[in-house]
């Protein structure tokens, strides 16, 4: 159930029975030598749509710009500041709550969004304490971590990962090309990094990853597991 493909009357009828909304969140940023720039929002949106279809839950259009300032020295990256991104999250919740939505599941595809979003949500629930808001990064669930370890060993990495590129290969098999084996080196660094510092530390955009291990089959496994996990979470939120 895609919000963008519904009329306001259909949304009103939905709200008579259910007050849960799924919001996919990502970014528009470089993802290494063979990763799609839209990886973060494409993966989150793909999982969210499948969960929405399975659970008959409305899915908000993906928030496809995130806090990606450290990637700005790579062509194609577009970013919001941390304060702007936090404000976007706040105002989406406020807008949807005005209509009657009370339970929110954010499926996030970009770790750089976390601090700004969680700070904004923490402030918001002080004012609107009847809300139930879950902010979930799809790759952090223990079941997903276990599967990633089985599929990729210690070579999955932190950015341009074998896991996320596998899911894009599953969702868009013609769009993601192959790549030679990459060395998942671990240079010393401290956050925050400026765009120039990030590019100097991670010259091809990867962070500790070997995306040559990505495969369509691995992506299907990860995708289906994630859909199972968040479908269970929607059932719990609906209570």
Protein backbone atom coordinates (compact mmCIF):
# COMPACT_ATOMS: atom_id res chain seq x y z
CA UNK A 1 0.00 0.00 0.00
CA UNK A 2 1.86 3.04 -1.29
CA UNK A 3 0.75 6.38 0.08
CA UNK A 4 1.71 8.06 -3.19
CA UNK A 5 -0.74 5.86 -5.10
CA UNK A 6 -3.71 6.50 -2.79
CA UNK A 7 -6.31 9.25 -2.55
CA UNK A 8 -6.98 11.18 0.64
CA UNK A 9 -10.33 9.40 0.99
CA UNK A 10 -8.60 6.04 0.88
CA UNK A 11 -6.20 7.18 3.59
CA UNK A 12 -9.11 8.34 5.75
CA UNK A 13 -10.77 4.94 5.42
CA UNK A 14 -7.50 3.20 6.31
CA UNK A 15 -7.15 5.32 9.45
CA UNK A 16 -10.56 4.19 10.65
CA UNK A 17 -9.07 0.73 11.14
CA UNK A 18 -5.31 1.16 11.46
CA UNK A 19 -2.93 3.97 12.48
CA UNK A 20 0.43 2.49 11.46
CA UNK A 21 2.78 3.98 8.85
CA UNK A 22 6.03 2.65 7.38
CA UNK A 23 8.60 5.28 6.37
CA UNK A 24 11.64 4.14 4.35
CA UNK A 25 14.68 6.38 4.81
CA UNK A 26 18.00 6.45 2.98
CA UNK A 27 20.46 8.75 1.27
CA UNK A 28 21.83 9.74 -2.14
CA UNK A 29 25.54 9.06 -1.88
CA UNK A 30 28.43 7.19 -3.42
CA UNK A 31 28.67 3.46 -2.72
CA UNK A 32 32.12 2.49 -3.84
CA UNK A 33 33.31 1.39 -7.28
CA UNK A 34 30.22 -0.63 -8.27
CA UNK A 35 27.49 0.43 -5.85
CA UNK A 36 24.49 2.49 -6.94
CA UNK A 37 24.32 6.05 -5.61
CA UNK A 38 20.72 5.38 -4.57
CA UNK A 39 21.60 2.18 -2.68
CA UNK A 40 20.50 3.37 0.76
CA UNK A 41 17.04 4.59 -0.18
CA UNK A 42 16.47 1.87 -2.80
CA UNK A 43 17.11 -0.92 -0.30
CA UNK A 44 15.01 0.69 2.45
CA UNK A 45 12.17 1.39 0.02
CA UNK A 46 12.25 -2.13 -1.41
CA UNK A 47 12.03 -3.71 2.03
CA UNK A 48 9.34 -1.25 3.16
CA UNK A 49 7.11 -1.86 0.13
CA UNK A 50 7.31 -5.63 0.58
CA UNK A 51 6.47 -5.31 4.29
CA UNK A 52 3.59 -2.96 3.49
CA UNK A 53 2.16 -5.39 0.95
CA UNK A 54 2.43 -8.33 3.33
CA UNK A 55 0.93 -6.52 6.34
CA UNK A 56 -1.56 -4.22 4.58
CA UNK A 57 0.25 -1.17 5.94
CA UNK A 58 0.64 2.18 4.18
CA UNK A 59 4.18 2.98 3.06
CA UNK A 60 5.22 6.64 2.90
CA UNK A 61 7.37 7.74 -0.08
CA UNK A 62 11.04 7.14 0.69
CA UNK A 63 13.03 9.97 2.23
CA UNK A 64 15.86 9.73 -0.28
CA UNK A 65 18.19 12.47 0.99
CA UNK A 66 20.08 11.92 4.22
CA UNK A 67 23.03 13.22 6.22
CA UNK A 68 25.87 12.37 3.81
CA UNK A 69 28.18 15.35 4.23
CA UNK A 70 31.29 13.17 4.57
CA UNK A 71 30.69 11.69 1.08
CA UNK A 72 30.54 15.03 -0.74
CA UNK A 73 33.95 14.68 -2.37
CA UNK A 74 32.54 11.84 -4.49
CA UNK A 75 30.60 12.83 -7.62
CA UNK A 76 26.84 12.39 -7.42
CA UNK A 77 26.45 12.61 -3.65
CA UNK A 78 23.72 14.96 -2.41
CA UNK A 79 23.31 15.69 1.29
CA UNK A 80 21.26 17.44 3.92
CA UNK A 81 22.86 18.88 7.03
CA UNK A 82 22.25 16.98 10.26
CA UNK A 83 19.91 19.69 11.55
CA UNK A 84 17.90 19.78 8.32
CA UNK A 85 17.58 16.01 8.19
CA UNK A 86 16.38 15.91 11.79
CA UNK A 87 13.83 18.58 10.96
CA UNK A 88 12.58 16.59 7.95
CA UNK A 89 12.01 13.52 10.12
CA UNK A 90 10.21 15.61 12.74
CA UNK A 91 7.91 17.30 10.24
CA UNK A 92 7.01 14.06 8.46
CA UNK A 93 5.92 12.59 11.79
CA UNK A 94 4.04 15.75 12.74
CA UNK A 95 2.28 15.88 9.37
CA UNK A 96 1.20 12.25 9.48
CA UNK A 97 0.21 12.41 13.13
CA UNK A 98 -2.08 15.34 12.32
CA UNK A 99 -4.09 12.95 10.13
CA UNK A 100 -4.26 10.29 12.84
CA UNK A 101 -1.19 8.10 12.43
CA UNK A 102 0.09 7.00 15.84
CA UNK A 103 2.57 4.21 15.12
CA UNK A 104 5.62 4.70 12.90
CA UNK A 105 8.19 2.22 11.65
CA UNK A 106 11.17 3.91 10.02
CA UNK A 107 13.26 1.49 7.96
CA UNK A 108 16.61 3.22 7.58
CA UNK A 109 19.28 2.42 5.00
CA UNK A 110 22.03 4.87 6.01
CA UNK A 111 23.94 4.90 9.28
CA UNK A 112 24.83 8.58 8.92
CA UNK A 113 21.16 9.41 9.53
CA UNK A 114 20.99 7.86 12.98
CA UNK A 115 22.24 10.59 15.33
CA UNK A 116 20.17 13.38 13.80
CA UNK A 117 17.02 11.28 13.54
CA UNK A 118 17.18 9.83 17.05
CA UNK A 119 17.82 13.27 18.56
CA UNK A 120 14.83 14.70 16.68
CA UNK A 121 12.56 11.79 17.65
CA UNK A 122 13.65 12.06 21.30
CA UNK A 123 12.60 15.72 21.36
CA UNK A 124 9.33 14.99 19.56
CA UNK A 125 8.08 12.26 21.88
CA UNK A 126 8.37 14.65 24.83
CA UNK A 127 5.53 16.61 23.24
CA UNK A 128 3.60 13.74 21.65
CA UNK A 129 3.87 10.91 24.15
CA UNK A 130 1.02 8.92 22.58
CA UNK A 131 3.26 8.04 19.61
CA UNK A 132 5.04 4.72 19.12
CA UNK A 133 8.09 5.26 16.90
CA UNK A 134 10.59 2.60 15.86
CA UNK A 135 13.78 3.69 14.09
CA UNK A 136 15.36 0.55 12.61
CA UNK A 137 18.52 0.09 10.53
CA UNK A 138 17.87 -3.03 8.47
CA UNK A 139 21.47 -4.34 8.73
CA UNK A 140 21.72 -4.26 12.55
CA UNK A 141 19.19 -6.93 13.51
CA UNK A 142 21.10 -9.89 15.03
CA UNK A 143 19.52 -12.29 12.53
CA UNK A 144 20.76 -10.15 9.63
CA UNK A 145 24.22 -9.83 11.19
CA UNK A 146 24.41 -13.61 11.55
CA UNK A 147 23.42 -14.13 7.91
CA UNK A 148 25.93 -11.50 6.73
CA UNK A 149 28.67 -13.30 8.63
CA UNK A 150 27.71 -16.62 7.06
CA UNK A 151 27.59 -15.14 3.57
CA UNK A 152 30.61 -12.81 3.65
CA UNK A 153 32.74 -13.70 6.67
CA UNK A 154 34.59 -10.65 7.99
CA UNK A 155 34.59 -8.92 4.60
CA UNK A 156 31.15 -7.31 4.64
CA UNK A 157 32.39 -3.93 5.90
CA UNK A 158 30.68 -0.74 7.04
CA UNK A 159 29.95 1.11 3.80
CA UNK A 160 29.47 -0.09 0.22
CA UNK A 161 29.00 -3.42 1.94
CA UNK A 162 28.64 -6.76 0.26
CA UNK A 163 25.21 -7.05 1.91
CA UNK A 164 23.68 -3.82 0.65
CA UNK A 165 25.11 -4.24 -2.83
CA UNK A 166 23.74 -7.80 -2.86
CA UNK A 167 20.25 -6.49 -2.13
CA UNK A 168 20.49 -3.96 -4.95
CA UNK A 169 21.60 -6.81 -7.24
CA UNK A 170 18.48 -8.70 -6.17
CA UNK A 171 16.19 -5.72 -6.71
CA UNK A 172 17.89 -4.32 -9.84
CA UNK A 173 19.89 -7.19 -11.38
CA UNK A 174 20.78 -5.31 -14.57
CA UNK A 175 22.03 -2.18 -12.80
CA UNK A 176 24.90 -3.43 -10.62
CA UNK A 177 28.11 -4.54 -12.31
CA UNK A 178 30.76 -6.97 -11.13
CA UNK A 179 33.97 -5.87 -9.46
CA UNK A 180 37.31 -7.50 -8.74
CA UNK A 181 38.16 -8.63 -5.22
CA UNK A 182 38.75 -5.64 -2.93
CA UNK A 183 41.06 -5.52 0.06
CA UNK A 184 39.00 -4.53 3.14
CA UNK A 185 41.77 -2.45 4.73
CA UNK A 186 41.14 -0.73 8.06
CA UNK A 187 42.90 2.64 8.21
CA UNK A 188 43.01 4.55 11.47
CA UNK A 189 40.60 7.50 11.66
CA UNK A 190 38.31 9.41 14.00
CA UNK A 191 34.82 10.80 13.38
CA UNK A 192 33.79 13.28 12.21
CA UNK A 193 35.61 13.38 8.88
CA UNK A 194 35.35 16.24 6.41
CA UNK A 195 34.61 15.28 2.80
CA UNK A 196 38.29 15.68 1.89
CA UNK A 197 39.41 13.65 4.91
CA UNK A 198 36.96 10.87 4.08
CA UNK A 199 38.12 10.71 0.45
CA UNK A 200 41.77 10.62 1.58
CA UNK A 201 41.06 7.83 4.10
CA UNK A 202 38.78 5.76 1.81
CA UNK A 203 39.92 6.62 -1.73
CA UNK A 204 37.42 4.45 -3.64
CA UNK A 205 34.53 5.08 -1.24
CA UNK A 206 34.43 1.68 0.48
CA UNK A 207 34.76 1.27 4.23
CA UNK A 208 36.35 -2.08 5.13
CA UNK A 209 34.25 -3.94 2.55
CA UNK A 210 34.73 -6.39 -0.31
CA UNK A 211 31.74 -5.79 -2.60
CA UNK A 212 33.04 -8.37 -5.06
CA UNK A 213 31.34 -10.91 -2.76
CA UNK A 214 27.90 -9.43 -3.53
CA UNK A 215 25.47 -11.69 -5.37
CA UNK A 216 21.84 -11.66 -6.39
CA UNK A 217 21.20 -14.86 -4.41
CA UNK A 218 22.72 -13.41 -1.23
CA UNK A 219 20.63 -10.29 -1.76
CA UNK A 220 17.46 -12.35 -2.02
CA UNK A 221 18.24 -14.09 1.28
CA UNK A 222 18.97 -10.83 3.06
CA UNK A 223 15.91 -9.14 1.57
CA UNK A 224 13.50 -11.92 2.47
CA UNK A 225 14.86 -12.14 6.02
CA UNK A 226 14.48 -8.37 6.46
CA UNK A 227 10.90 -8.48 5.19
CA UNK A 228 10.12 -11.24 7.71
CA UNK A 229 11.70 -9.23 10.56
CA UNK A 230 9.81 -6.00 9.86
CA UNK A 231 6.54 -7.76 9.14
CA UNK A 232 6.80 -9.22 12.65
CA UNK A 233 7.53 -5.76 13.99
CA UNK A 234 4.44 -4.30 12.30
CA UNK A 235 2.31 -7.04 13.88
CA UNK A 236 3.74 -6.09 17.29
CA UNK A 237 3.13 -2.38 16.70
CA UNK A 238 -0.45 -3.06 15.62
CA UNK A 239 -0.86 -5.03 18.85
